[in-house]
């Protein structure tokens, strides 16, 4: 989705318009996540950009879209550009670190090899 949203409407007030924009974005993300995954893909990931226009848009995280839209409302922007592109995602294992777990007076080492 590459779209410039207008924050003015002849009949709708700005708060209702912002809710409608957020709903449209949520609906798009849900629709894209529901598509069938290719065999070597773990999940659908998204590249997101937000700005006043396409040329000045910055990369943001998917979870920051609603905050960015709310900030555009607070700044009373007339319009803003939002780009959400779907891409295949691959899970990676986090490296396990040796941790110590304190239980009262005893200390337990995690990641010890048990034989």
PDB file of N, CA and C in Angstrom:
ATOM      1  N   UNK A   1       0.853  -1.166   0.000  1.00  0.00           N
ATOM      2  CA  UNK A   1       0.000   0.000   0.000  1.00  0.00           C
ATOM      3  C   UNK A   1       0.899   1.228   0.000  1.00  0.00           C
ATOM      4  N   UNK A   2       0.764   2.036  -0.983  1.00  0.00           N
ATOM      5  CA  UNK A   2       1.427   3.332  -1.060  1.00  0.00           C
ATOM      6  C   UNK A   2       0.321   4.348  -1.257  1.00  0.00           C
ATOM      7  N   UNK A   3       0.109   5.178  -0.233  1.00  0.00           N
ATOM      8  CA  UNK A   3      -1.055   6.049  -0.313  1.00  0.00           C
ATOM      9  C   UNK A   3      -0.810   7.350   0.433  1.00  0.00           C
ATOM     10  N   UNK A   4      -1.346   8.426  -0.126  1.00  0.00           N
ATOM     11  CA  UNK A   4      -1.362   9.711   0.552  1.00  0.00           C
ATOM     12  C   UNK A   4      -2.769   9.912   1.100  1.00  0.00           C
ATOM     13  N   UNK A   5      -2.874  10.009   2.403  1.00  0.00           N
ATOM     14  CA  UNK A   5      -4.164  10.184   3.076  1.00  0.00           C
ATOM     15  C   UNK A   5      -4.401  11.663   3.317  1.00  0.00           C
ATOM     16  N   UNK A   6      -5.612  12.131   3.006  1.00  0.00           N
ATOM     17  CA  UNK A   6      -5.997  13.516   3.257  1.00  0.00           C
ATOM     18  C   UNK A   6      -6.695  13.587   4.613  1.00  0.00           C
ATOM     19  N   UNK A   7      -6.373  14.610   5.367  1.00  0.00           N
ATOM     20  CA  UNK A   7      -6.946  14.780   6.706  1.00  0.00           C
ATOM     21  C   UNK A   7      -8.096  15.781   6.704  1.00  0.00           C
ATOM     22  N   UNK A   8      -8.623  16.073   5.532  1.00  0.00           N
ATOM     23  CA  UNK A   8      -9.777  16.955   5.431  1.00  0.00           C
ATOM     24  C   UNK A   8     -10.862  16.245   4.635  1.00  0.00           C
ATOM     25  N   UNK A   9     -12.092  16.489   5.042  1.00  0.00           N
ATOM     26  CA  UNK A   9     -13.239  15.897   4.348  1.00  0.00           C
ATOM     27  C   UNK A   9     -14.415  16.847   4.545  1.00  0.00           C
ATOM     28  N   UNK A  10     -15.241  17.025   3.515  1.00  0.00           N
ATOM     29  CA  UNK A  10     -16.339  17.983   3.645  1.00  0.00           C
ATOM     30  C   UNK A  10     -17.393  17.586   4.681  1.00  0.00           C
ATOM     31  N   UNK A  11     -17.577  16.294   4.916  1.00  0.00           N
ATOM     32  CA  UNK A  11     -18.631  15.862   5.835  1.00  0.00           C
ATOM     33  C   UNK A  11     -18.095  15.280   7.141  1.00  0.00           C
ATOM     34  N   UNK A  12     -16.939  14.632   7.103  1.00  0.00           N
ATOM     35  CA  UNK A  12     -16.403  13.970   8.299  1.00  0.00           C
ATOM     36  C   UNK A  12     -15.505  14.901   9.090  1.00  0.00           C
ATOM     37  N   UNK A  13     -15.587  14.797  10.405  1.00  0.00           N
ATOM     38  CA  UNK A  13     -14.687  15.554  11.261  1.00  0.00           C
ATOM     39  C   UNK A  13     -13.363  14.803  11.361  1.00  0.00           C
ATOM     40  N   UNK A  14     -12.328  15.503  11.716  1.00  0.00           N
ATOM     41  CA  UNK A  14     -10.972  14.944  11.710  1.00  0.00           C
ATOM     42  C   UNK A  14     -10.833  13.706  12.606  1.00  0.00           C
ATOM     43  N   UNK A  15     -11.349  13.691  13.832  1.00  0.00           N
ATOM     44  CA  UNK A  15     -11.191  12.471  14.650  1.00  0.00           C
ATOM     45  C   UNK A  15     -11.815  11.231  14.016  1.00  0.00           C
ATOM     46  N   UNK A  16     -12.975  11.375  13.368  1.00  0.00           N
ATOM     47  CA  UNK A  16     -13.612  10.222  12.702  1.00  0.00           C
ATOM     48  C   UNK A  16     -12.804   9.796  11.486  1.00  0.00           C
ATOM     49  N   UNK A  17     -12.234  10.768  10.796  1.00  0.00           N
ATOM     50  CA  UNK A  17     -11.410  10.478   9.627  1.00  0.00           C
ATOM     51  C   UNK A  17     -10.141   9.729  10.040  1.00  0.00           C
ATOM     52  N   UNK A  18      -9.556  10.132  11.148  1.00  0.00           N
ATOM     53  CA  UNK A  18      -8.354   9.451  11.655  1.00  0.00           C
ATOM     54  C   UNK A  18      -8.691   8.010  12.030  1.00  0.00           C
ATOM     55  N   UNK A  19      -9.826   7.798  12.676  1.00  0.00           N
ATOM     56  CA  UNK A  19     -10.254   6.436  13.015  1.00  0.00           C
ATOM     57  C   UNK A  19     -10.447   5.598  11.756  1.00  0.00           C
ATOM     58  N   UNK A  20     -11.031   6.192  10.721  1.00  0.00           N
ATOM     59  CA  UNK A  20     -11.246   5.466   9.462  1.00  0.00           C
ATOM     60  C   UNK A  20      -9.919   5.094   8.798  1.00  0.00           C
ATOM     61  N   UNK A  21      -8.937   5.988   8.860  1.00  0.00           N
ATOM     62  CA  UNK A  21      -7.616   5.710   8.282  1.00  0.00           C
ATOM     63  C   UNK A  21      -6.940   4.582   9.044  1.00  0.00           C
ATOM     64  N   UNK A  22      -6.979   4.639  10.374  1.00  0.00           N
ATOM     65  CA  UNK A  22      -6.371   3.586  11.191  1.00  0.00           C
ATOM     66  C   UNK A  22      -7.033   2.238  10.923  1.00  0.00           C
ATOM     67  N   UNK A  23      -8.346   2.257  10.744  1.00  0.00           N
ATOM     68  CA  UNK A  23      -9.067   1.016  10.460  1.00  0.00           C
ATOM     69  C   UNK A  23      -8.673   0.460   9.098  1.00  0.00           C
ATOM     70  N   UNK A  24      -8.534   1.327   8.114  1.00  0.00           N
ATOM     71  CA  UNK A  24      -8.130   0.883   6.779  1.00  0.00           C
ATOM     72  C   UNK A  24      -6.741   0.249   6.800  1.00  0.00           C
ATOM     73  N   UNK A  25      -5.819   0.841   7.543  1.00  0.00           N
ATOM     74  CA  UNK A  25      -4.463   0.300   7.667  1.00  0.00           C
ATOM     75  C   UNK A  25      -4.499  -1.055   8.370  1.00  0.00           C
ATOM     76  N   UNK A  26      -5.264  -1.142   9.447  1.00  0.00           N
ATOM     77  CA  UNK A  26      -5.385  -2.401  10.189  1.00  0.00           C
ATOM     78  C   UNK A  26      -5.975  -3.502   9.316  1.00  0.00           C
ATOM     79  N   UNK A  27      -6.983  -3.157   8.528  1.00  0.00           N
ATOM     80  CA  UNK A  27      -7.631  -4.112   7.641  1.00  0.00           C
ATOM     81  C   UNK A  27      -6.659  -4.597   6.567  1.00  0.00           C
ATOM     82  N   UNK A  28      -5.845  -3.704   6.030  1.00  0.00           N
ATOM     83  CA  UNK A  28      -4.864  -4.079   5.014  1.00  0.00           C
ATOM     84  C   UNK A  28      -3.829  -5.042   5.586  1.00  0.00           C
ATOM     85  N   UNK A  29      -3.321  -4.739   6.767  1.00  0.00           N
ATOM     86  CA  UNK A  29      -2.312  -5.598   7.402  1.00  0.00           C
ATOM     87  C   UNK A  29      -2.893  -6.973   7.690  1.00  0.00           C
ATOM     88  N   UNK A  30      -4.120  -7.018   8.193  1.00  0.00           N
ATOM     89  CA  UNK A  30      -4.756  -8.301   8.480  1.00  0.00           C
ATOM     90  C   UNK A  30      -4.956  -9.118   7.208  1.00  0.00           C
ATOM     91  N   UNK A  31      -5.358  -8.455   6.127  1.00  0.00           N
ATOM     92  CA  UNK A  31      -5.558  -9.145   4.851  1.00  0.00           C
ATOM     93  C   UNK A  31      -4.233  -9.709   4.322  1.00  0.00           C
ATOM     94  N   UNK A  32      -3.158  -8.944   4.424  1.00  0.00           N
ATOM     95  CA  UNK A  32      -1.856  -9.408   3.941  1.00  0.00           C
ATOM     96  C   UNK A  32      -1.325 -10.566   4.794  1.00  0.00           C
ATOM     97  N   UNK A  33      -1.532 -10.498   6.094  1.00  0.00           N
ATOM     98  CA  UNK A  33      -1.070 -11.585   6.975  1.00  0.00           C
ATOM     99  C   UNK A  33      -1.843 -12.874   6.761  1.00  0.00           C
ATOM    100  N   UNK A  34      -3.047 -12.773   6.250  1.00  0.00           N
ATOM    101  CA  UNK A  34      -3.878 -13.948   6.022  1.00  0.00           C
ATOM    102  C   UNK A  34      -3.561 -14.698   4.751  1.00  0.00           C
ATOM    103  N   UNK A  35      -2.746 -14.131   3.901  1.00  0.00           N
ATOM    104  CA  UNK A  35      -2.399 -14.793   2.646  1.00  0.00           C
ATOM    105  C   UNK A  35      -1.526 -16.017   2.918  1.00  0.00           C
ATOM    106  N   UNK A  36      -1.580 -16.976   2.014  1.00  0.00           N
ATOM    107  CA  UNK A  36      -0.840 -18.225   2.161  1.00  0.00           C
ATOM    108  C   UNK A  36       0.657 -17.949   2.058  1.00  0.00           C
ATOM    109  N   UNK A  37       1.425 -18.545   2.998  1.00  0.00           N
ATOM    110  CA  UNK A  37       2.867 -18.364   3.011  1.00  0.00           C
ATOM    111  C   UNK A  37       3.550 -19.307   2.028  1.00  0.00           C
ATOM    112  N   UNK A  38       4.576 -18.853   1.332  1.00  0.00           N
ATOM    113  CA  UNK A  38       5.381 -19.770   0.526  1.00  0.00           C
ATOM    114  C   UNK A  38       6.080 -20.793   1.427  1.00  0.00           C
ATOM    115  N   UNK A  39       6.552 -21.905   0.881  1.00  0.00           N
ATOM    116  CA  UNK A  39       7.114 -22.976   1.722  1.00  0.00           C
ATOM    117  C   UNK A  39       8.298 -22.575   2.594  1.00  0.00           C
ATOM    118  N   UNK A  40       9.158 -21.689   2.143  1.00  0.00           N
ATOM    119  CA  UNK A  40      10.362 -21.363   2.903  1.00  0.00           C
ATOM    120  C   UNK A  40      10.224 -20.090   3.742  1.00  0.00           C
ATOM    121  N   UNK A  41       9.012 -19.592   3.941  1.00  0.00           N
ATOM    122  CA  UNK A  41       8.770 -18.349   4.671  1.00  0.00           C
ATOM    123  C   UNK A  41       8.080 -18.659   5.990  1.00  0.00           C
ATOM    124  N   UNK A  42       8.525 -17.989   7.072  1.00  0.00           N
ATOM    125  CA  UNK A  42       7.951 -18.214   8.400  1.00  0.00           C
ATOM    126  C   UNK A  42       6.772 -17.289   8.705  1.00  0.00           C
ATOM    127  N   UNK A  43       6.832 -16.049   8.221  1.00  0.00           N
ATOM    128  CA  UNK A  43       5.758 -15.087   8.495  1.00  0.00           C
ATOM    129  C   UNK A  43       5.854 -13.953   7.478  1.00  0.00           C
ATOM    130  N   UNK A  44       4.820 -13.117   7.432  1.00  0.00           N
ATOM    131  CA  UNK A  44       4.856 -11.931   6.584  1.00  0.00           C
ATOM    132  C   UNK A  44       5.406 -10.773   7.397  1.00  0.00           C
ATOM    133  N   UNK A  45       6.404 -10.103   6.859  1.00  0.00           N
ATOM    134  CA  UNK A  45       7.007  -8.942   7.497  1.00  0.00           C
ATOM    135  C   UNK A  45       6.630  -7.708   6.673  1.00  0.00           C
ATOM    136  N   UNK A  46       6.784  -6.526   7.248  1.00  0.00           N
ATOM    137  CA  UNK A  46       6.362  -5.306   6.567  1.00  0.00           C
ATOM    138  C   UNK A  46       7.451  -4.245   6.631  1.00  0.00           C
ATOM    139  N   UNK A  47       7.671  -3.574   5.508  1.00  0.00           N
ATOM    140  CA  UNK A  47       8.517  -2.381   5.451  1.00  0.00           C
ATOM    141  C   UNK A  47       7.581  -1.191   5.433  1.00  0.00           C
ATOM    142  N   UNK A  48       7.780  -0.265   6.366  1.00  0.00           N
ATOM    143  CA  UNK A  48       6.860   0.862   6.501  1.00  0.00           C
ATOM    144  C   UNK A  48       7.615   2.191   6.405  1.00  0.00           C
ATOM    145  N   UNK A  49       6.991   3.148   5.771  1.00  0.00           N
ATOM    146  CA  UNK A  49       7.513   4.507   5.667  1.00  0.00           C
ATOM    147  C   UNK A  49       6.361   5.475   5.935  1.00  0.00           C
ATOM    148  N   UNK A  50       6.680   6.591   6.597  1.00  0.00           N
ATOM    149  CA  UNK A  50       5.669   7.587   6.945  1.00  0.00           C
ATOM    150  C   UNK A  50       6.285   8.966   6.811  1.00  0.00           C
ATOM    151  N   UNK A  51       5.516   9.898   6.261  1.00  0.00           N
ATOM    152  CA  UNK A  51       5.998  11.266   6.156  1.00  0.00           C
ATOM    153  C   UNK A  51       4.936  12.193   5.611  1.00  0.00           C
ATOM    154  N   UNK A  52       5.293  13.454   5.495  1.00  0.00           N
ATOM    155  CA  UNK A  52       4.368  14.457   4.966  1.00  0.00           C
ATOM    156  C   UNK A  52       4.101  14.172   3.491  1.00  0.00           C
ATOM    157  N   UNK A  53       5.152  13.784   2.752  1.00  0.00           N
ATOM    158  CA  UNK A  53       4.998  13.365   1.362  1.00  0.00           C
ATOM    159  C   UNK A  53       5.974  12.224   1.098  1.00  0.00           C
ATOM    160  N   UNK A  54       5.906  11.671  -0.105  1.00  0.00           N
ATOM    161  CA  UNK A  54       6.716  10.491  -0.422  1.00  0.00           C
ATOM    162  C   UNK A  54       8.208  10.797  -0.356  1.00  0.00           C
ATOM    163  N   UNK A  55       8.619  11.968  -0.794  1.00  0.00           N
ATOM    164  CA  UNK A  55      10.035  12.322  -0.824  1.00  0.00           C
ATOM    165  C   UNK A  55      10.625  12.468   0.576  1.00  0.00           C
ATOM    166  N   UNK A  56       9.838  12.928   1.529  1.00  0.00           N
ATOM    167  CA  UNK A  56      10.358  13.176   2.875  1.00  0.00           C
ATOM    168  C   UNK A  56       9.955  12.091   3.870  1.00  0.00           C
ATOM    169  N   UNK A  57       9.488  10.953   3.391  1.00  0.00           N
ATOM    170  CA  UNK A  57       9.040   9.903   4.315  1.00  0.00           C
ATOM    171  C   UNK A  57      10.232   9.179   4.930  1.00  0.00           C
ATOM    172  N   UNK A  58      10.064   8.776   6.186  1.00  0.00           N
ATOM    173  CA  UNK A  58      11.097   8.071   6.940  1.00  0.00           C
ATOM    174  C   UNK A  58      10.620   6.663   7.253  1.00  0.00           C
ATOM    175  N   UNK A  59      11.573   5.769   7.457  1.00  0.00           N
ATOM    176  CA  UNK A  59      11.264   4.390   7.810  1.00  0.00           C
ATOM    177  C   UNK A  59      10.782   4.349   9.256  1.00  0.00           C
ATOM    178  N   UNK A  60       9.663   3.645   9.492  1.00  0.00           N
ATOM    179  CA  UNK A  60       9.146   3.447  10.845  1.00  0.00           C
ATOM    180  C   UNK A  60       8.820   1.975  11.025  1.00  0.00           C
ATOM    181  N   UNK A  61       8.640   1.570  12.269  1.00  0.00           N
ATOM    182  CA  UNK A  61       8.264   0.188  12.579  1.00  0.00           C
ATOM    183  C   UNK A  61       6.752   0.052  12.435  1.00  0.00           C
ATOM    184  N   UNK A  62       6.316  -1.153  12.144  1.00  0.00           N
ATOM    185  CA  UNK A  62       4.888  -1.422  11.957  1.00  0.00           C
ATOM    186  C   UNK A  62       4.071  -1.000  13.176  1.00  0.00           C
ATOM    187  N   UNK A  63       4.608  -1.220  14.367  1.00  0.00           N
ATOM    188  CA  UNK A  63       3.866  -0.895  15.587  1.00  0.00           C
ATOM    189  C   UNK A  63       3.769   0.612  15.833  1.00  0.00           C
ATOM    190  N   UNK A  64       4.521   1.423  15.109  1.00  0.00           N
ATOM    191  CA  UNK A  64       4.511   2.874  15.318  1.00  0.00           C
ATOM    192  C   UNK A  64       3.577   3.606  14.361  1.00  0.00           C
ATOM    193  N   UNK A  65       2.857   2.870  13.533  1.00  0.00           N
ATOM    194  CA  UNK A  65       1.993   3.524  12.535  1.00  0.00           C
ATOM    195  C   UNK A  65       0.876   4.318  13.199  1.00  0.00           C
ATOM    196  N   UNK A  66       0.168   3.715  14.170  1.00  0.00           N
ATOM    197  CA  UNK A  66      -0.931   4.430  14.825  1.00  0.00           C
ATOM    198  C   UNK A  66      -0.441   5.681  15.543  1.00  0.00           C
ATOM    199  N   UNK A  67       0.729   5.605  16.175  1.00  0.00           N
ATOM    200  CA  UNK A  67       1.288   6.773  16.861  1.00  0.00           C
ATOM    201  C   UNK A  67       1.622   7.870  15.853  1.00  0.00           C
ATOM    202  N   UNK A  68       2.149   7.477  14.699  1.00  0.00           N
ATOM    203  CA  UNK A  68       2.496   8.449  13.673  1.00  0.00           C
ATOM    204  C   UNK A  68       1.243   9.127  13.118  1.00  0.00           C
ATOM    205  N   UNK A  69       0.180   8.359  12.933  1.00  0.00           N
ATOM    206  CA  UNK A  69      -1.076   8.939  12.440  1.00  0.00           C
ATOM    207  C   UNK A  69      -1.654   9.895  13.489  1.00  0.00           C
ATOM    208  N   UNK A  70      -1.599   9.511  14.751  1.00  0.00           N
ATOM    209  CA  UNK A  70      -2.080  10.388  15.822  1.00  0.00           C
ATOM    210  C   UNK A  70      -1.247  11.664  15.899  1.00  0.00           C
ATOM    211  N   UNK A  71       0.056  11.538  15.683  1.00  0.00           N
ATOM    212  CA  UNK A  71       0.927  12.714  15.695  1.00  0.00           C
ATOM    213  C   UNK A  71       0.604  13.633  14.512  1.00  0.00           C
ATOM    214  N   UNK A  72       0.277  13.063  13.365  1.00  0.00           N
ATOM    215  CA  UNK A  72      -0.123  13.869  12.208  1.00  0.00           C
ATOM    216  C   UNK A  72      -1.411  14.635  12.512  1.00  0.00           C
ATOM    217  N   UNK A  73      -2.313  13.995  13.244  1.00  0.00           N
ATOM    218  CA  UNK A  73      -3.548  14.677  13.653  1.00  0.00           C
ATOM    219  C   UNK A  73      -3.230  15.814  14.618  1.00  0.00           C
ATOM    220  N   UNK A  74      -2.332  15.553  15.576  1.00  0.00           N
ATOM    221  CA  UNK A  74      -1.974  16.580  16.550  1.00  0.00           C
ATOM    222  C   UNK A  74      -1.254  17.763  15.892  1.00  0.00           C
ATOM    223  N   UNK A  75      -0.452  17.469  14.869  1.00  0.00           N
ATOM    224  CA  UNK A  75       0.255  18.528  14.143  1.00  0.00           C
ATOM    225  C   UNK A  75      -0.643  19.231  13.131  1.00  0.00           C
ATOM    226  N   UNK A  76      -1.875  18.766  12.987  1.00  0.00           N
ATOM    227  CA  UNK A  76      -2.876  19.329  12.074  1.00  0.00           C
ATOM    228  C   UNK A  76      -2.374  19.366  10.634  1.00  0.00           C
ATOM    229  N   UNK A  77      -1.793  18.245  10.204  1.00  0.00           N
ATOM    230  CA  UNK A  77      -1.349  18.130   8.818  1.00  0.00           C
ATOM    231  C   UNK A  77      -2.561  18.006   7.900  1.00  0.00           C
ATOM    232  N   UNK A  78      -2.450  18.539   6.690  1.00  0.00           N
ATOM    233  CA  UNK A  78      -3.544  18.414   5.730  1.00  0.00           C
ATOM    234  C   UNK A  78      -3.546  17.039   5.085  1.00  0.00           C
ATOM    235  N   UNK A  79      -2.351  16.425   4.944  1.00  0.00           N
ATOM    236  CA  UNK A  79      -2.245  15.087   4.390  1.00  0.00           C
ATOM    237  C   UNK A  79      -0.924  14.474   4.832  1.00  0.00           C
ATOM    238  N   UNK A  80      -0.825  13.149   4.690  1.00  0.00           N
ATOM    239  CA  UNK A  80       0.427  12.449   4.988  1.00  0.00           C
ATOM    240  C   UNK A  80       0.545  11.238   4.085  1.00  0.00           C
ATOM    241  N   UNK A  81       1.774  10.783   3.907  1.00  0.00           N
ATOM    242  CA  UNK A  81       2.069   9.649   3.045  1.00  0.00           C
ATOM    243  C   UNK A  81       2.384   8.438   3.917  1.00  0.00           C
ATOM    244  N   UNK A  82       1.784   7.293   3.579  1.00  0.00           N
ATOM    245  CA  UNK A  82       2.037   6.051   4.304  1.00  0.00           C
ATOM    246  C   UNK A  82       2.294   4.952   3.282  1.00  0.00           C
ATOM    247  N   UNK A  83       3.390   4.223   3.500  1.00  0.00           N
ATOM    248  CA  UNK A  83       3.758   3.117   2.613  1.00  0.00           C
ATOM    249  C   UNK A  83       3.960   1.876   3.466  1.00  0.00           C
ATOM    250  N   UNK A  84       3.251   0.808   3.127  1.00  0.00           N
ATOM    251  CA  UNK A  84       3.386  -0.469   3.819  1.00  0.00           C
ATOM    252  C   UNK A  84       3.596  -1.528   2.736  1.00  0.00           C
ATOM    253  N   UNK A  85       4.783  -2.108   2.706  1.00  0.00           N
ATOM    254  CA  UNK A  85       5.104  -3.131   1.720  1.00  0.00           C
ATOM    255  C   UNK A  85       5.348  -4.447   2.432  1.00  0.00           C
ATOM    256  N   UNK A  86       4.703  -5.500   1.941  1.00  0.00           N
ATOM    257  CA  UNK A  86       4.837  -6.815   2.552  1.00  0.00           C
ATOM    258  C   UNK A  86       6.077  -7.506   1.980  1.00  0.00           C
ATOM    259  N   UNK A  87       6.773  -8.241   2.851  1.00  0.00           N
ATOM    260  CA  UNK A  87       7.936  -9.012   2.418  1.00  0.00           C
ATOM    261  C   UNK A  87       7.983 -10.301   3.232  1.00  0.00           C
ATOM    262  N   UNK A  88       8.614 -11.341   2.715  1.00  0.00           N
ATOM    263  CA  UNK A  88       8.710 -12.594   3.473  1.00  0.00           C
ATOM    264  C   UNK A  88       9.646 -12.425   4.664  1.00  0.00           C
ATOM    265  N   UNK A  89       9.265 -13.042   5.776  1.00  0.00           N
ATOM    266  CA  UNK A  89      10.076 -12.971   6.986  1.00  0.00           C
ATOM    267  C   UNK A  89      10.580 -14.339   7.386  1.00  0.00           C
ATOM    268  N   UNK A  90      11.787 -14.361   7.938  1.00  0.00           N
ATOM    269  CA  UNK A  90      12.400 -15.612   8.385  1.00  0.00           C
ATOM    270  C   UNK A  90      12.792 -15.461   9.846  1.00  0.00           C
ATOM    271  N   UNK A  91      12.404 -16.433  10.655  1.00  0.00           N
ATOM    272  CA  UNK A  91      12.736 -16.404  12.080  1.00  0.00           C
ATOM    273  C   UNK A  91      14.194 -16.790  12.270  1.00  0.00           C
ATOM    274  N   UNK A  92      14.821 -16.145  13.224  1.00  0.00           N
ATOM    275  CA  UNK A  92      16.189 -16.501  13.575  1.00  0.00           C
ATOM    276  C   UNK A  92      16.236 -16.768  15.074  1.00  0.00           C
ATOM    277  N   UNK A  93      17.052 -17.720  15.463  1.00  0.00           N
ATOM    278  CA  UNK A  93      17.167 -18.052  16.877  1.00  0.00           C
ATOM    279  C   UNK A  93      18.013 -17.005  17.577  1.00  0.00           C
ATOM    280  N   UNK A  94      17.588 -16.634  18.772  1.00  0.00           N
ATOM    281  CA  UNK A  94      18.362 -15.713  19.576  1.00  0.00           C
ATOM    282  C   UNK A  94      19.525 -16.479  20.191  1.00  0.00           C
ATOM    283  N   UNK A  95      20.686 -15.872  20.260  1.00  0.00           N
ATOM    284  CA  UNK A  95      21.804 -16.571  20.900  1.00  0.00           C
ATOM    285  C   UNK A  95      21.528 -16.719  22.395  1.00  0.00           C
ATOM    286  N   UNK A  96      21.769 -17.916  22.894  1.00  0.00           N
ATOM    287  CA  UNK A  96      21.524 -18.167  24.313  1.00  0.00           C
ATOM    288  C   UNK A  96      22.750 -17.770  25.103  1.00  0.00           C
ATOM    289  N   UNK A  97      22.540 -17.051  26.155  1.00  0.00           N
ATOM    290  CA  UNK A  97      23.636 -16.605  27.007  1.00  0.00           C
ATOM    291  C   UNK A  97      23.590 -17.397  28.297  1.00  0.00           C
ATOM    292  N   UNK A  98      24.772 -17.560  28.910  1.00  0.00           N
ATOM    293  CA  UNK A  98      24.818 -18.204  30.216  1.00  0.00           C
ATOM    294  C   UNK A  98      24.225 -17.245  31.235  1.00  0.00           C
ATOM    295  N   UNK A  99      23.213 -17.719  31.913  1.00  0.00           N
ATOM    296  CA  UNK A  99      22.551 -16.887  32.907  1.00  0.00           C
ATOM    297  C   UNK A  99      22.605 -17.578  34.255  1.00  0.00           C
ATOM    298  N   UNK A 100      22.585 -16.792  35.277  1.00  0.00           N
ATOM    299  CA  UNK A 100      22.486 -17.336  36.620  1.00  0.00           C
ATOM    300  C   UNK A 100      21.126 -16.961  37.176  1.00  0.00           C
ATOM    301  N   UNK A 101      20.481 -17.956  37.746  1.00  0.00           N
ATOM    302  CA  UNK A 101      19.171 -17.735  38.340  1.00  0.00           C
ATOM    303  C   UNK A 101      19.341 -17.870  39.847  1.00  0.00           C
ATOM    304  N   UNK A 102      19.022 -16.803  40.568  1.00  0.00           N
ATOM    305  CA  UNK A 102      19.155 -16.818  42.013  1.00  0.00           C
ATOM    306  C   UNK A 102      17.848 -17.270  42.643  1.00  0.00           C
ATOM    307  N   UNK A 103      17.900 -18.333  43.389  1.00  0.00           N
ATOM    308  CA  UNK A 103      16.755 -18.826  44.135  1.00  0.00           C
ATOM    309  C   UNK A 103      17.140 -18.870  45.599  1.00  0.00           C
ATOM    310  N   UNK A 104      16.929 -17.764  46.272  1.00  0.00           N
ATOM    311  CA  UNK A 104      17.286 -17.718  47.686  1.00  0.00           C
ATOM    312  C   UNK A 104      18.802 -17.817  47.844  1.00  0.00           C
ATOM    313  N   UNK A 105      19.276 -18.872  48.540  1.00  0.00           N
ATOM    314  CA  UNK A 105      20.698 -19.047  48.793  1.00  0.00           C
ATOM    315  C   UNK A 105      21.399 -19.843  47.696  1.00  0.00           C
ATOM    316  N   UNK A 106      20.660 -20.511  46.827  1.00  0.00           N
ATOM    317  CA  UNK A 106      21.292 -21.341  45.809  1.00  0.00           C
ATOM    318  C   UNK A 106      21.298 -20.622  44.453  1.00  0.00           C
ATOM    319  N   UNK A 107      22.301 -20.937  43.654  1.00  0.00           N
ATOM    320  CA  UNK A 107      22.439 -20.367  42.330  1.00  0.00           C
ATOM    321  C   UNK A 107      22.398 -21.496  41.318  1.00  0.00           C
ATOM    322  N   UNK A 108      21.571 -21.342  40.291  1.00  0.00           N
ATOM    323  CA  UNK A 108      21.426 -22.360  39.254  1.00  0.00           C
ATOM    324  C   UNK A 108      21.997 -21.793  37.958  1.00  0.00           C
ATOM    325  N   UNK A 109      22.855 -22.541  37.308  1.00  0.00           N
ATOM    326  CA  UNK A 109      23.398 -22.140  36.010  1.00  0.00           C
ATOM    327  C   UNK A 109      22.490 -22.663  34.914  1.00  0.00           C
ATOM    328  N   UNK A 110      22.033 -21.803  34.050  1.00  0.00           N
ATOM    329  CA  UNK A 110      21.275 -22.272  32.891  1.00  0.00           C
ATOM    330  C   UNK A 110      22.253 -22.480  31.749  1.00  0.00           C
ATOM    331  N   UNK A 111      21.862 -23.232  30.762  1.00  0.00           N
ATOM    332  CA  UNK A 111      22.678 -23.584  29.604  1.00  0.00           C
ATOM    333  C   UNK A 111      23.778 -24.580  29.961  1.00  0.00           C
ATOM    334  N   UNK A 112      23.656 -25.243  31.059  1.00  0.00           N
ATOM    335  CA  UNK A 112      24.621 -26.307  31.364  1.00  0.00           C
ATOM    336  C   UNK A 112      24.232 -27.539  30.597  1.00  0.00           C
ATOM    337  N   UNK A 113      25.227 -28.243  30.107  1.00  0.00           N
ATOM    338  CA  UNK A 113      24.955 -29.470  29.366  1.00  0.00           C
ATOM    339  C   UNK A 113      24.622 -30.579  30.341  1.00  0.00           C
ATOM    340  N   UNK A 114      23.515 -31.209  30.088  1.00  0.00           N
ATOM    341  CA  UNK A 114      23.130 -32.333  30.918  1.00  0.00           C
ATOM    342  C   UNK A 114      23.366 -33.608  30.145  1.00  0.00           C
ATOM    343  N   UNK A 115      24.023 -34.571  30.798  1.00  0.00           N
ATOM    344  CA  UNK A 115      24.328 -35.844  30.138  1.00  0.00           C
ATOM    345  C   UNK A 115      23.647 -36.974  30.834  1.00  0.00           C
TER     346      UNK A 115
END
